[in-house]
């Protein structure tokens, strides 16, 4: 069974790409508080936001979620 580690992966990817939460919040349906909540595991992005994150970080869904 794979463990979903989206919150940790997102933060690591964002930092590696030298983006702030505010810069990443340029996504549709996101603001800095939303990005922060994703990174803390408080909530998860919508499918469309997840797809946009995969594009930004050149990751697959599986790669960003696990």
N, C-alpha and C. Protein backbone atom coordinates (compact mmCIF):
# COMPACT_ATOMS: atom_id res chain seq x y z
N UNK A 1 0.84 -1.18 0.00
CA UNK A 1 0.00 0.00 0.00
C UNK A 1 0.89 1.25 0.00
N UNK A 2 0.56 2.18 -0.88
CA UNK A 2 1.31 3.43 -0.95
C UNK A 2 0.76 4.42 0.06
N UNK A 3 1.64 5.16 0.67
CA UNK A 3 1.24 6.19 1.61
C UNK A 3 1.20 7.52 0.86
N UNK A 4 0.12 8.24 0.99
CA UNK A 4 0.00 9.54 0.34
C UNK A 4 0.79 10.56 1.14
N UNK A 5 1.72 11.18 0.48
CA UNK A 5 2.59 12.17 1.13
C UNK A 5 2.53 13.49 0.38
N UNK A 6 1.37 13.82 -0.11
CA UNK A 6 1.22 15.01 -0.93
C UNK A 6 1.74 16.26 -0.24
N UNK A 7 1.37 16.48 1.00
CA UNK A 7 1.75 17.71 1.71
C UNK A 7 3.27 17.88 1.74
N UNK A 8 3.97 16.83 2.11
CA UNK A 8 5.43 16.90 2.17
C UNK A 8 6.04 17.08 0.79
N UNK A 9 5.51 16.35 -0.19
CA UNK A 9 6.03 16.45 -1.55
C UNK A 9 5.84 17.85 -2.11
N UNK A 10 4.66 18.42 -1.89
CA UNK A 10 4.38 19.75 -2.42
C UNK A 10 5.36 20.78 -1.85
N UNK A 11 5.56 20.75 -0.55
CA UNK A 11 6.47 21.71 0.07
C UNK A 11 7.88 21.55 -0.47
N UNK A 12 8.34 20.31 -0.59
CA UNK A 12 9.68 20.04 -1.10
C UNK A 12 9.81 20.52 -2.55
N UNK A 13 8.84 20.22 -3.37
CA UNK A 13 8.88 20.63 -4.77
C UNK A 13 8.87 22.16 -4.90
N UNK A 14 8.04 22.81 -4.09
CA UNK A 14 7.95 24.27 -4.13
C UNK A 14 9.29 24.91 -3.73
N UNK A 15 9.87 24.41 -2.67
CA UNK A 15 11.15 24.96 -2.20
C UNK A 15 12.26 24.68 -3.22
N UNK A 16 12.29 23.47 -3.78
CA UNK A 16 13.31 23.13 -4.78
C UNK A 16 13.21 24.04 -6.00
N UNK A 17 11.99 24.45 -6.33
CA UNK A 17 11.78 25.32 -7.50
C UNK A 17 11.91 26.80 -7.11
N UNK A 18 12.22 27.05 -5.85
CA UNK A 18 12.41 28.41 -5.32
C UNK A 18 11.17 29.29 -5.51
N UNK A 19 10.01 28.70 -5.23
CA UNK A 19 8.74 29.43 -5.29
C UNK A 19 8.25 29.69 -3.88
N UNK A 20 7.65 30.85 -3.68
CA UNK A 20 7.00 31.12 -2.40
C UNK A 20 5.58 30.57 -2.47
N UNK A 21 4.95 30.47 -1.32
CA UNK A 21 3.54 30.05 -1.32
C UNK A 21 2.70 31.05 -2.10
N UNK A 22 3.02 32.32 -1.98
CA UNK A 22 2.28 33.35 -2.70
C UNK A 22 2.42 33.19 -4.21
N UNK A 23 3.63 32.86 -4.67
CA UNK A 23 3.85 32.65 -6.11
C UNK A 23 3.08 31.43 -6.61
N UNK A 24 3.09 30.39 -5.82
CA UNK A 24 2.36 29.18 -6.20
C UNK A 24 0.85 29.41 -6.17
N UNK A 25 0.41 30.37 -5.39
CA UNK A 25 -1.01 30.66 -5.26
C UNK A 25 -1.59 31.32 -6.50
N UNK A 26 -0.79 31.52 -7.53
CA UNK A 26 -1.30 32.05 -8.79
C UNK A 26 -2.18 31.04 -9.52
N UNK A 27 -2.21 29.82 -9.01
CA UNK A 27 -3.08 28.79 -9.59
C UNK A 27 -4.54 29.19 -9.46
N UNK A 28 -5.37 28.73 -10.38
CA UNK A 28 -6.81 28.94 -10.21
C UNK A 28 -7.28 28.27 -8.91
N UNK A 29 -8.22 28.87 -8.25
CA UNK A 29 -8.82 28.33 -7.02
C UNK A 29 -7.81 28.20 -5.88
N UNK A 30 -6.79 29.05 -5.86
CA UNK A 30 -5.81 28.97 -4.77
C UNK A 30 -5.41 30.37 -4.32
N UNK A 31 -5.06 30.47 -3.07
CA UNK A 31 -4.42 31.67 -2.55
C UNK A 31 -3.34 31.19 -1.58
N UNK A 32 -2.60 32.09 -0.99
CA UNK A 32 -1.49 31.67 -0.12
C UNK A 32 -1.96 30.80 1.02
N UNK A 33 -3.12 31.12 1.59
CA UNK A 33 -3.64 30.31 2.71
C UNK A 33 -3.98 28.90 2.24
N UNK A 34 -4.49 28.79 1.03
CA UNK A 34 -4.82 27.47 0.48
C UNK A 34 -3.56 26.64 0.30
N UNK A 35 -2.53 27.25 -0.28
CA UNK A 35 -1.26 26.54 -0.47
C UNK A 35 -0.70 26.10 0.88
N UNK A 36 -0.76 26.98 1.85
CA UNK A 36 -0.30 26.65 3.20
C UNK A 36 -1.08 25.46 3.77
N UNK A 37 -2.38 25.46 3.58
CA UNK A 37 -3.22 24.36 4.07
C UNK A 37 -2.88 23.06 3.36
N UNK A 38 -2.59 23.11 2.07
CA UNK A 38 -2.17 21.91 1.35
C UNK A 38 -0.88 21.37 1.95
N UNK A 39 0.08 22.27 2.21
CA UNK A 39 1.38 21.84 2.73
C UNK A 39 1.29 21.32 4.16
N UNK A 40 0.30 21.75 4.90
CA UNK A 40 0.10 21.27 6.28
C UNK A 40 -0.78 20.02 6.31
N UNK A 41 -1.34 19.62 5.18
CA UNK A 41 -2.21 18.45 5.13
C UNK A 41 -3.60 18.71 5.65
N UNK A 42 -3.98 19.98 5.77
CA UNK A 42 -5.30 20.34 6.28
C UNK A 42 -6.37 20.05 5.24
N UNK A 43 -6.04 20.25 3.96
CA UNK A 43 -6.98 19.97 2.88
C UNK A 43 -6.18 19.56 1.65
N UNK A 44 -6.88 19.13 0.63
CA UNK A 44 -6.24 18.67 -0.59
C UNK A 44 -6.74 19.49 -1.76
N UNK A 45 -5.94 19.62 -2.81
CA UNK A 45 -6.35 20.41 -3.96
C UNK A 45 -7.43 19.70 -4.77
N UNK A 46 -8.16 20.48 -5.53
CA UNK A 46 -9.12 19.90 -6.48
C UNK A 46 -8.34 19.17 -7.56
N UNK A 47 -9.04 18.39 -8.34
CA UNK A 47 -8.38 17.66 -9.42
C UNK A 47 -7.71 18.62 -10.39
N UNK A 48 -8.39 19.71 -10.74
CA UNK A 48 -7.81 20.67 -11.69
C UNK A 48 -6.58 21.36 -11.10
N UNK A 49 -6.61 21.69 -9.80
CA UNK A 49 -5.44 22.30 -9.16
C UNK A 49 -4.29 21.30 -9.10
N UNK A 50 -4.60 20.04 -8.82
CA UNK A 50 -3.57 19.01 -8.77
C UNK A 50 -2.93 18.84 -10.15
N UNK A 51 -3.75 18.86 -11.19
CA UNK A 51 -3.22 18.76 -12.55
C UNK A 51 -2.30 19.94 -12.85
N UNK A 52 -2.68 21.14 -12.42
CA UNK A 52 -1.85 22.33 -12.63
C UNK A 52 -0.53 22.20 -11.86
N UNK A 53 -0.59 21.69 -10.64
CA UNK A 53 0.63 21.48 -9.86
C UNK A 53 1.56 20.49 -10.56
N UNK A 54 1.00 19.44 -11.10
CA UNK A 54 1.81 18.46 -11.84
C UNK A 54 2.51 19.12 -13.02
N UNK A 55 1.79 20.00 -13.72
CA UNK A 55 2.40 20.72 -14.85
C UNK A 55 3.53 21.63 -14.37
N UNK A 56 3.28 22.38 -13.31
CA UNK A 56 4.29 23.32 -12.79
C UNK A 56 5.57 22.59 -12.40
N UNK A 57 5.41 21.45 -11.74
CA UNK A 57 6.57 20.73 -11.22
C UNK A 57 7.04 19.59 -12.12
N UNK A 58 6.40 19.46 -13.29
CA UNK A 58 6.75 18.39 -14.25
C UNK A 58 6.74 17.03 -13.54
N UNK A 59 5.65 16.78 -12.85
CA UNK A 59 5.47 15.53 -12.09
C UNK A 59 4.22 14.81 -12.59
N UNK A 60 4.17 13.52 -12.35
CA UNK A 60 2.95 12.76 -12.60
C UNK A 60 2.07 12.84 -11.36
N UNK A 61 0.81 12.46 -11.50
CA UNK A 61 -0.08 12.43 -10.34
C UNK A 61 0.50 11.50 -9.29
N UNK A 62 0.94 10.33 -9.72
CA UNK A 62 1.51 9.35 -8.79
C UNK A 62 2.75 9.92 -8.10
N UNK A 63 3.57 10.62 -8.86
CA UNK A 63 4.79 11.17 -8.29
C UNK A 63 4.57 12.24 -7.25
N UNK A 64 3.55 13.05 -7.45
CA UNK A 64 3.31 14.14 -6.49
C UNK A 64 2.50 13.66 -5.28
N UNK A 65 1.75 12.59 -5.46
CA UNK A 65 0.90 12.11 -4.36
C UNK A 65 1.59 11.12 -3.44
N UNK A 66 2.60 10.42 -3.93
CA UNK A 66 3.21 9.37 -3.10
C UNK A 66 4.70 9.58 -2.91
